[in-house]
């Protein structure tokens, strides 16, 4: 596990960075991803290596900071790197942590930029982040995100897009919140990197399928 003082300062950095975000990408999301990542790491046999758990915990805690702050101020892009240097994290660990953070995105995987060869630490952190995007929590986050951006809840005339490129995926102005399930969330189960992640994703995926079945039935006045 990571040094507890470093973890505490990382948590404080998260709280400062995520302050003001809507509940789809707030500090609570980060805490859930950290807890999930450590749980998956233990299930994947990484608990015998304290260095691995340190990398997992810090990468999970810091994974959303750059994306959050860079949107507000591009000069903040090196904030995480600077934090790791100030905490005197070994270069080898720092490289692994930054590599995990930079390689986690779904849109990068669409563009073929995802990690085809990945470390066990990368696998558990990415899986944890994706698990938090599906299931009951994922549904709540999806509608929170869509509502924050004044997106349509659903429009039967607007069909989900398929075989998206990275550029197409990023253009969401005319998309609905419900279509996001088809364009991303329902695909995540098959993108899990670890056995532990795959096992958990099955249950969450089925929950989303049942939710959508009920949603469409109610929308059409049939349920």
Protein backbone atom coordinates (compact mmCIF):
# COMPACT_ATOMS: atom_id res chain seq x y z
CA UNK A 1 0.00 0.00 0.00
CA UNK A 2 1.07 3.58 -0.57
CA UNK A 3 2.51 5.75 2.17
CA UNK A 4 -0.50 6.97 4.15
CA UNK A 5 0.71 10.57 4.29
CA UNK A 6 1.10 10.58 0.50
CA UNK A 7 -2.37 9.06 0.15
CA UNK A 8 -3.85 11.73 2.42
CA UNK A 9 -2.27 14.51 0.37
CA UNK A 10 -3.46 12.82 -2.84
CA UNK A 11 -6.98 12.73 -1.43
CA UNK A 12 -6.74 16.44 -0.58
CA UNK A 13 -5.59 17.14 -4.15
CA UNK A 14 -8.57 15.20 -5.50
CA UNK A 15 -10.99 17.15 -3.33
CA UNK A 16 -9.55 20.47 -4.53
CA UNK A 17 -9.46 19.42 -8.18
CA UNK A 18 -12.93 17.86 -8.31
CA UNK A 19 -14.66 20.57 -6.31
CA UNK A 20 -17.54 21.97 -8.31
CA UNK A 21 -17.87 18.94 -10.60
CA UNK A 22 -21.28 17.35 -10.98
CA UNK A 23 -21.82 14.04 -9.19
CA UNK A 24 -20.87 11.98 -12.25
CA UNK A 25 -17.22 13.01 -11.89
CA UNK A 26 -16.77 14.10 -8.30
CA UNK A 27 -14.48 12.97 -5.49
CA UNK A 28 -16.89 10.17 -4.56
CA UNK A 29 -16.32 8.65 -8.01
CA UNK A 30 -12.58 8.65 -7.30
CA UNK A 31 -13.03 7.02 -3.87
CA UNK A 32 -15.15 4.27 -5.42
CA UNK A 33 -12.58 3.65 -8.18
CA UNK A 34 -9.77 3.49 -5.61
CA UNK A 35 -11.66 0.98 -3.45
CA UNK A 36 -12.65 -1.10 -6.47
CA UNK A 37 -9.12 -1.07 -7.88
CA UNK A 38 -7.61 -2.27 -4.60
CA UNK A 39 -10.27 -4.96 -4.30
CA UNK A 40 -9.62 -6.16 -7.87
CA UNK A 41 -5.86 -6.06 -7.22
CA UNK A 42 -6.25 -8.41 -4.27
CA UNK A 43 -8.47 -10.74 -6.29
CA UNK A 44 -5.88 -10.74 -9.08
CA UNK A 45 -3.10 -11.73 -6.64
CA UNK A 46 -1.30 -8.38 -6.42
CA UNK A 47 -1.58 -8.06 -2.64
CA UNK A 48 1.73 -9.87 -2.16
CA UNK A 49 3.51 -6.96 -3.85
CA UNK A 50 3.27 -3.71 -1.84
CA UNK A 51 4.77 -1.75 -4.75
CA UNK A 52 1.96 -2.89 -7.04
CA UNK A 53 -0.68 -1.82 -4.51
CA UNK A 54 0.99 1.57 -4.16
CA UNK A 55 0.92 2.08 -7.93
CA UNK A 56 -2.72 0.96 -8.10
CA UNK A 57 -3.89 3.21 -5.27
CA UNK A 58 -2.12 6.36 -6.45
CA UNK A 59 -3.10 5.85 -10.11
CA UNK A 60 -6.72 5.30 -9.10
CA UNK A 61 -6.74 8.39 -6.89
CA UNK A 62 -5.13 10.63 -9.49
CA UNK A 63 -6.73 9.23 -12.66
CA UNK A 64 -9.32 11.97 -13.26
CA UNK A 65 -7.41 15.04 -12.11
CA UNK A 66 -5.67 15.89 -15.39
CA UNK A 67 -8.87 15.48 -17.42
CA UNK A 68 -10.77 17.65 -14.95
CA UNK A 69 -8.24 20.46 -14.62
CA UNK A 70 -6.98 20.52 -18.22
CA UNK A 71 -10.52 21.40 -19.32
CA UNK A 72 -10.38 24.45 -17.07
CA UNK A 73 -6.73 25.39 -17.51
CA UNK A 74 -4.27 23.62 -19.87
CA UNK A 75 -1.38 24.77 -17.65
CA UNK A 76 -2.56 22.29 -15.01
CA UNK A 77 -1.71 19.30 -17.21
CA UNK A 78 1.48 18.54 -15.27
CA UNK A 79 -0.16 18.80 -11.85
CA UNK A 80 -0.13 15.05 -11.23
CA UNK A 81 3.45 14.68 -12.44
CA UNK A 82 4.52 17.54 -10.16
CA UNK A 83 2.65 15.98 -7.23
CA UNK A 84 4.46 12.65 -7.66
CA UNK A 85 7.80 14.44 -7.80
CA UNK A 86 7.03 16.42 -4.67
CA UNK A 87 6.12 13.18 -2.90
CA UNK A 88 9.49 11.70 -3.96
CA UNK A 89 7.86 8.75 -5.74
CA UNK A 90 10.51 6.56 -7.38
CA UNK A 91 10.93 7.22 -11.10
CA UNK A 92 9.97 3.66 -12.02
CA UNK A 93 6.72 3.91 -10.03
CA UNK A 94 6.01 7.42 -11.33
CA UNK A 95 6.35 6.25 -14.94
CA UNK A 96 3.94 3.38 -14.31
CA UNK A 97 1.39 5.61 -12.56
CA UNK A 98 1.45 8.22 -15.32
CA UNK A 99 1.25 5.53 -18.00
CA UNK A 100 -1.87 4.08 -16.38
CA UNK A 101 -3.54 7.48 -16.16
CA UNK A 102 -2.74 8.41 -19.76
CA UNK A 103 -3.91 5.10 -21.22
CA UNK A 104 -7.25 4.60 -19.50
CA UNK A 105 -9.65 6.44 -21.82
CA UNK A 106 -12.42 4.74 -23.77
CA UNK A 107 -12.00 7.18 -26.66
CA UNK A 108 -8.33 6.18 -26.97
CA UNK A 109 -9.34 2.54 -27.26
CA UNK A 110 -11.76 3.52 -30.05
CA UNK A 111 -8.84 5.15 -31.82
CA UNK A 112 -6.71 2.02 -31.41
CA UNK A 113 -4.50 3.80 -28.88
CA UNK A 114 -5.43 1.60 -25.93
CA UNK A 115 -2.89 -0.63 -24.28
CA UNK A 116 -2.70 -3.97 -26.11
CA UNK A 117 0.05 -5.04 -23.74
CA UNK A 118 -0.72 -3.85 -20.25
CA UNK A 119 0.54 -4.29 -16.72
CA UNK A 120 -1.61 -5.97 -14.06
CA UNK A 121 -1.78 -2.60 -12.30
CA UNK A 122 -3.15 -0.93 -15.44
CA UNK A 123 -5.75 -3.66 -15.84
CA UNK A 124 -7.22 -3.32 -12.35
CA UNK A 125 -7.30 0.50 -12.38
CA UNK A 126 -8.93 0.73 -15.81
CA UNK A 127 -11.41 -2.02 -14.94
CA UNK A 128 -12.31 -0.25 -11.69
CA UNK A 129 -12.98 3.00 -13.53
CA UNK A 130 -15.12 1.21 -16.09
CA UNK A 131 -17.03 -0.75 -13.47
CA UNK A 132 -18.03 2.57 -11.91
CA UNK A 133 -19.50 3.54 -15.30
CA UNK A 134 -21.91 0.59 -15.42
CA UNK A 135 -24.52 -1.04 -13.19
CA UNK A 136 -26.68 0.97 -10.78
CA UNK A 137 -23.97 3.56 -10.12
CA UNK A 138 -23.27 3.83 -13.84
CA UNK A 139 -26.93 4.50 -14.59
CA UNK A 140 -27.06 7.23 -11.95
CA UNK A 141 -23.84 8.81 -13.24
CA UNK A 142 -25.02 8.68 -16.86
CA UNK A 143 -28.22 10.59 -16.17
CA UNK A 144 -26.44 13.04 -13.90
CA UNK A 145 -23.91 13.78 -16.64
CA UNK A 146 -26.59 14.15 -19.31
CA UNK A 147 -28.74 16.38 -17.14
CA UNK A 148 -25.81 18.62 -16.30
CA UNK A 149 -25.30 19.18 -20.03
CA UNK A 150 -29.01 19.65 -20.80
CA UNK A 151 -28.99 16.60 -23.03
CA UNK A 152 -32.24 15.02 -24.20
CA UNK A 153 -33.28 12.08 -22.06
CA UNK A 154 -34.43 10.05 -25.05
CA UNK A 155 -35.68 10.61 -28.59
CA UNK A 156 -36.69 7.52 -30.61
CA UNK A 157 -35.89 9.44 -33.80
CA UNK A 158 -32.23 9.81 -32.80
CA UNK A 159 -30.62 6.39 -33.21
CA UNK A 160 -27.46 5.27 -31.41
CA UNK A 161 -24.37 5.53 -33.57
CA UNK A 162 -22.32 2.40 -34.29
CA UNK A 163 -18.66 1.74 -35.21
CA UNK A 164 -17.63 5.14 -33.91
CA UNK A 165 -14.22 6.68 -34.44
CA UNK A 166 -12.67 8.72 -31.64
CA UNK A 167 -13.66 11.94 -33.40
CA UNK A 168 -17.26 10.81 -33.91
CA UNK A 169 -17.56 9.65 -30.31
CA UNK A 170 -16.48 13.09 -29.06
CA UNK A 171 -19.24 14.83 -31.06
CA UNK A 172 -22.21 14.35 -28.75
CA UNK A 173 -24.20 17.54 -29.27
CA UNK A 174 -27.14 15.77 -30.92
CA UNK A 175 -27.02 12.60 -28.87
CA UNK A 176 -29.34 11.56 -26.06
CA UNK A 177 -28.48 10.26 -22.62
CA UNK A 178 -30.04 6.88 -23.34
CA UNK A 179 -27.99 6.49 -26.52
CA UNK A 180 -24.83 6.73 -24.38
CA UNK A 181 -25.69 3.28 -23.03
CA UNK A 182 -25.47 1.83 -26.54
CA UNK A 183 -22.50 3.89 -27.70
CA UNK A 184 -20.33 3.18 -24.66
CA UNK A 185 -21.68 1.66 -21.46
CA UNK A 186 -22.99 -1.63 -22.89
CA UNK A 187 -19.61 -2.16 -24.60
CA UNK A 188 -17.53 -1.97 -21.43
CA UNK A 189 -18.23 -5.53 -20.24
CA UNK A 190 -16.29 -6.96 -23.16
CA UNK A 191 -13.39 -4.54 -22.67
CA UNK A 192 -12.52 -5.62 -19.13
CA UNK A 193 -8.87 -6.56 -18.75
CA UNK A 194 -8.97 -8.76 -15.63
CA UNK A 195 -10.88 -11.89 -14.65
CA UNK A 196 -12.09 -10.17 -11.48
CA UNK A 197 -13.31 -7.20 -13.51
CA UNK A 198 -15.06 -9.43 -16.04
CA UNK A 199 -16.89 -11.29 -13.28
CA UNK A 200 -18.19 -8.09 -11.69
CA UNK A 201 -19.04 -6.53 -15.03
CA UNK A 202 -21.40 -9.39 -15.93
CA UNK A 203 -23.79 -8.55 -13.09
CA UNK A 204 -23.67 -4.79 -13.70
CA UNK A 205 -24.18 -5.27 -17.44
CA UNK A 206 -27.31 -7.39 -16.90
CA UNK A 207 -28.68 -4.75 -14.53
CA UNK A 208 -28.33 -2.10 -17.26
CA UNK A 209 -30.02 -4.34 -19.83
CA UNK A 210 -32.97 -4.86 -17.48
CA UNK A 211 -33.14 -1.13 -16.79
CA UNK A 212 -33.24 -0.27 -20.50
CA UNK A 213 -35.92 -2.88 -21.16
CA UNK A 214 -38.07 -1.29 -18.46
CA UNK A 215 -37.22 2.24 -19.62
CA UNK A 216 -38.28 1.62 -23.22
CA UNK A 217 -41.47 -0.12 -22.06
CA UNK A 218 -42.42 2.82 -19.86
CA UNK A 219 -41.48 5.33 -22.57
CA UNK A 220 -43.82 3.62 -25.03
CA UNK A 221 -46.60 3.33 -22.46
CA UNK A 222 -46.43 -0.48 -22.45
CA UNK A 223 -45.06 -1.11 -18.95
